[in-house]
Amino acid sequence: MEPSVVLIISVAAAVIAITGWGIYISFGPPSKELADPYEDHED
């Protein structure tokens, strides 16, 4: 396989993994622990 194809596949896999992790953190079970700074400091 060409080195450029391996690089493209590796970068695409990393982007997909980071996006999936971000979605999981934002909307999955860990999101219950996230705090909203705007709700904490209402004026």
PDB file of N, CA and C in Angstrom:
ATOM      1  N   MET A   1       0.843  -1.182   0.000  1.00  0.00           N
ATOM      2  CA  MET A   1       0.000   0.000   0.000  1.00  0.00           C
ATOM      3  C   MET A   1       0.889   1.247   0.000  1.00  0.00           C
ATOM      4  N   GLU A   2       0.438   2.283  -0.665  1.00  0.00           N
ATOM      5  CA  GLU A   2       1.204   3.523  -0.744  1.00  0.00           C
ATOM      6  C   GLU A   2       1.270   4.208   0.621  1.00  0.00           C
ATOM      7  N   PRO A   3       2.390   4.832   0.937  1.00  0.00           N
ATOM      8  CA  PRO A   3       2.495   5.536   2.225  1.00  0.00           C
ATOM      9  C   PRO A   3       1.461   6.660   2.372  1.00  0.00           C
ATOM     10  N   SER A   4       1.117   7.323   1.275  1.00  0.00           N
ATOM     11  CA  SER A   4       0.130   8.408   1.368  1.00  0.00           C
ATOM     12  C   SER A   4      -1.253   7.872   1.740  1.00  0.00           C
ATOM     13  N   VAL A   5      -1.596   6.675   1.254  1.00  0.00           N
ATOM     14  CA  VAL A   5      -2.884   6.064   1.580  1.00  0.00           C
ATOM     15  C   VAL A   5      -2.917   5.702   3.060  1.00  0.00           C
ATOM     16  N   VAL A   6      -1.832   5.180   3.563  1.00  0.00           N
ATOM     17  CA  VAL A   6      -1.744   4.829   4.988  1.00  0.00           C
ATOM     18  C   VAL A   6      -1.885   6.084   5.845  1.00  0.00           C
ATOM     19  N   LEU A   7      -1.244   7.165   5.432  1.00  0.00           N
ATOM     20  CA  LEU A   7      -1.333   8.422   6.171  1.00  0.00           C
ATOM     21  C   LEU A   7      -2.764   8.952   6.168  1.00  0.00           C
ATOM     22  N   ILE A   8      -3.420   8.940   5.020  1.00  0.00           N
ATOM     23  CA  ILE A   8      -4.793   9.430   4.927  1.00  0.00           C
ATOM     24  C   ILE A   8      -5.726   8.592   5.791  1.00  0.00           C
ATOM     25  N   ILE A   9      -5.581   7.282   5.752  1.00  0.00           N
ATOM     26  CA  ILE A   9      -6.426   6.404   6.566  1.00  0.00           C
ATOM     27  C   ILE A   9      -6.160   6.631   8.051  1.00  0.00           C
ATOM     28  N   SER A  10      -4.909   6.819   8.426  1.00  0.00           N
ATOM     29  CA  SER A  10      -4.565   7.058   9.830  1.00  0.00           C
ATOM     30  C   SER A  10      -5.157   8.376  10.328  1.00  0.00           C
ATOM     31  N   VAL A  11      -5.040   9.422   9.541  1.00  0.00           N
ATOM     32  CA  VAL A  11      -5.587  10.723   9.932  1.00  0.00           C
ATOM     33  C   VAL A  11      -7.108  10.649  10.010  1.00  0.00           C
ATOM     34  N   ALA A  12      -7.742   9.994   9.045  1.00  0.00           N
ATOM     35  CA  ALA A  12      -9.200   9.858   9.057  1.00  0.00           C
ATOM     36  C   ALA A  12      -9.662   9.069  10.284  1.00  0.00           C
ATOM     37  N   ALA A  13      -8.958   8.005  10.620  1.00  0.00           N
ATOM     38  CA  ALA A  13      -9.316   7.208  11.791  1.00  0.00           C
ATOM     39  C   ALA A  13      -9.164   8.028  13.074  1.00  0.00           C
ATOM     40  N   ALA A  14      -8.116   8.837  13.149  1.00  0.00           N
ATOM     41  CA  ALA A  14      -7.916   9.676  14.338  1.00  0.00           C
ATOM     42  C   ALA A  14      -9.025  10.717  14.457  1.00  0.00           C
ATOM     43  N   VAL A  15      -9.404  11.336  13.353  1.00  0.00           N
ATOM     44  CA  VAL A  15     -10.470  12.347  13.382  1.00  0.00           C
ATOM     45  C   VAL A  15     -11.789  11.706  13.796  1.00  0.00           C
ATOM     46  N   ILE A  16     -12.102  10.543  13.263  1.00  0.00           N
ATOM     47  CA  ILE A  16     -13.339   9.843  13.619  1.00  0.00           C
ATOM     48  C   ILE A  16     -13.326   9.441  15.096  1.00  0.00           C
ATOM     49  N   ALA A  17     -12.187   8.965  15.578  1.00  0.00           N
ATOM     50  CA  ALA A  17     -12.087   8.561  16.979  1.00  0.00           C
ATOM     51  C   ALA A  17     -12.258   9.755  17.914  1.00  0.00           C
ATOM     52  N   ILE A  18     -11.626  10.876  17.602  1.00  0.00           N
ATOM     53  CA  ILE A  18     -11.735  12.063  18.450  1.00  0.00           C
ATOM     54  C   ILE A  18     -13.163  12.603  18.426  1.00  0.00           C
ATOM     55  N   THR A  19     -13.797  12.581  17.247  1.00  0.00           N
ATOM     56  CA  THR A  19     -15.183  13.037  17.144  1.00  0.00           C
ATOM     57  C   THR A  19     -16.110  12.137  17.956  1.00  0.00           C
ATOM     58  N   GLY A  20     -15.928  10.838  17.856  1.00  0.00           N
ATOM     59  CA  GLY A  20     -16.740   9.895  18.629  1.00  0.00           C
ATOM     60  C   GLY A  20     -16.549  10.069  20.119  1.00  0.00           C
ATOM     61  N   TRP A  21     -15.317  10.288  20.537  1.00  0.00           N
ATOM     62  CA  TRP A  21     -15.036  10.513  21.957  1.00  0.00           C
ATOM     63  C   TRP A  21     -15.705  11.794  22.445  1.00  0.00           C
ATOM     64  N   GLY A  22     -15.640  12.844  21.652  1.00  0.00           N
ATOM     65  CA  GLY A  22     -16.271  14.106  22.024  1.00  0.00           C
ATOM     66  C   GLY A  22     -17.778  13.987  22.141  1.00  0.00           C
ATOM     67  N   ILE A  23     -18.391  13.272  21.222  1.00  0.00           N
ATOM     68  CA  ILE A  23     -19.838  13.062  21.282  1.00  0.00           C
ATOM     69  C   ILE A  23     -20.205  12.243  22.510  1.00  0.00           C
ATOM     70  N   TYR A  24     -19.419  11.221  22.808  1.00  0.00           N
ATOM     71  CA  TYR A  24     -19.674  10.399  23.992  1.00  0.00           C
ATOM     72  C   TYR A  24     -19.567  11.219  25.267  1.00  0.00           C
ATOM     73  N   ILE A  25     -18.531  12.053  25.359  1.00  0.00           N
ATOM     74  CA  ILE A  25     -18.343  12.885  26.552  1.00  0.00           C
ATOM     75  C   ILE A  25     -19.472  13.908  26.669  1.00  0.00           C
ATOM     76  N   SER A  26     -19.920  14.451  25.537  1.00  0.00           N
ATOM     77  CA  SER A  26     -20.944  15.499  25.558  1.00  0.00           C
ATOM     78  C   SER A  26     -22.338  14.978  25.864  1.00  0.00           C
ATOM     79  N   PHE A  27     -22.679  13.822  25.315  1.00  0.00           N
ATOM     80  CA  PHE A  27     -24.051  13.349  25.405  1.00  0.00           C
ATOM     81  C   PHE A  27     -24.218  12.018  26.131  1.00  0.00           C
ATOM     82  N   GLY A  28     -23.133  11.329  26.420  1.00  0.00           N
ATOM     83  CA  GLY A  28     -23.210  10.025  27.072  1.00  0.00           C
ATOM     84  C   GLY A  28     -23.274  10.148  28.586  1.00  0.00           C
ATOM     85  N   PRO A  29     -23.083   9.047  29.282  1.00  0.00           N
ATOM     86  CA  PRO A  29     -23.142   9.045  30.745  1.00  0.00           C
ATOM     87  C   PRO A  29     -22.193  10.047  31.429  1.00  0.00           C
ATOM     88  N   PRO A  30     -20.978  10.293  30.909  1.00  0.00           N
ATOM     89  CA  PRO A  30     -20.112  11.265  31.593  1.00  0.00           C
ATOM     90  C   PRO A  30     -20.654  12.696  31.571  1.00  0.00           C
ATOM     91  N   SER A  31     -21.633  12.981  30.715  1.00  0.00           N
ATOM     92  CA  SER A  31     -22.149  14.350  30.630  1.00  0.00           C
ATOM     93  C   SER A  31     -22.873  14.771  31.905  1.00  0.00           C
ATOM     94  N   LYS A  32     -23.265  13.828  32.737  1.00  0.00           N
ATOM     95  CA  LYS A  32     -23.941  14.154  33.994  1.00  0.00           C
ATOM     96  C   LYS A  32     -23.001  14.904  34.940  1.00  0.00           C
ATOM     97  N   GLU A  33     -21.690  14.690  34.783  1.00  0.00           N
ATOM     98  CA  GLU A  33     -20.707  15.324  35.657  1.00  0.00           C
ATOM     99  C   GLU A  33     -20.284  16.708  35.158  1.00  0.00           C
ATOM    100  N   LEU A  34     -20.664  17.078  33.937  1.00  0.00           N
ATOM    101  CA  LEU A  34     -20.272  18.369  33.389  1.00  0.00           C
ATOM    102  C   LEU A  34     -21.088  19.482  34.048  1.00  0.00           C
ATOM    103  N   ALA A  35     -20.437  20.593  34.309  1.00  0.00           N
ATOM    104  CA  ALA A  35     -21.113  21.732  34.922  1.00  0.00           C
ATOM    105  C   ALA A  35     -21.286  22.829  33.881  1.00  0.00           C
ATOM    106  N   ASP A  36     -22.378  23.562  33.960  1.00  0.00           N
ATOM    107  CA  ASP A  36     -22.630  24.680  33.079  1.00  0.00           C
ATOM    108  C   ASP A  36     -22.201  25.953  33.795  1.00  0.00           C
ATOM    109  N   PRO A  37     -21.124  26.606  33.355  1.00  0.00           N
ATOM    110  CA  PRO A  37     -20.637  27.775  34.069  1.00  0.00           C
ATOM    111  C   PRO A  37     -21.645  28.936  34.063  1.00  0.00           C
ATOM    112  N   TYR A  38     -22.507  29.001  33.066  1.00  0.00           N
ATOM    113  CA  TYR A  38     -23.495  30.073  33.010  1.00  0.00           C
ATOM    114  C   TYR A  38     -24.601  29.861  34.040  1.00  0.00           C
ATOM    115  N   GLU A  39     -24.936  28.621  34.323  1.00  0.00           N
ATOM    116  CA  GLU A  39     -25.930  28.344  35.359  1.00  0.00           C
ATOM    117  C   GLU A  39     -25.346  28.557  36.755  1.00  0.00           C
ATOM    118  N   ASP A  40     -24.067  28.295  36.918  1.00  0.00           N
ATOM    119  CA  ASP A  40     -23.426  28.423  38.221  1.00  0.00           C
ATOM    120  C   ASP A  40     -23.294  29.882  38.663  1.00  0.00           C
ATOM    121  N   HIS A  41     -23.194  30.815  37.703  1.00  0.00           N
ATOM    122  CA  HIS A  41     -22.926  32.209  38.036  1.00  0.00           C
ATOM    123  C   HIS A  41     -23.972  33.130  37.431  1.00  0.00           C
ATOM    124  N   GLU A  42     -25.224  32.891  37.755  1.00  0.00           N
ATOM    125  CA  GLU A  42     -26.276  33.772  37.263  1.00  0.00           C
ATOM    126  C   GLU A  42     -26.243  35.097  38.013  1.00  0.00           C
ATOM    127  N   ASP A  43     -26.443  36.160  37.276  1.00  0.00           N
ATOM    128  CA  ASP A  43     -26.443  37.498  37.898  1.00  0.00           C
ATOM    129  C   ASP A  43     -27.844  37.945  38.209  1.00  0.00           C
TER     130      ASP A  43
END
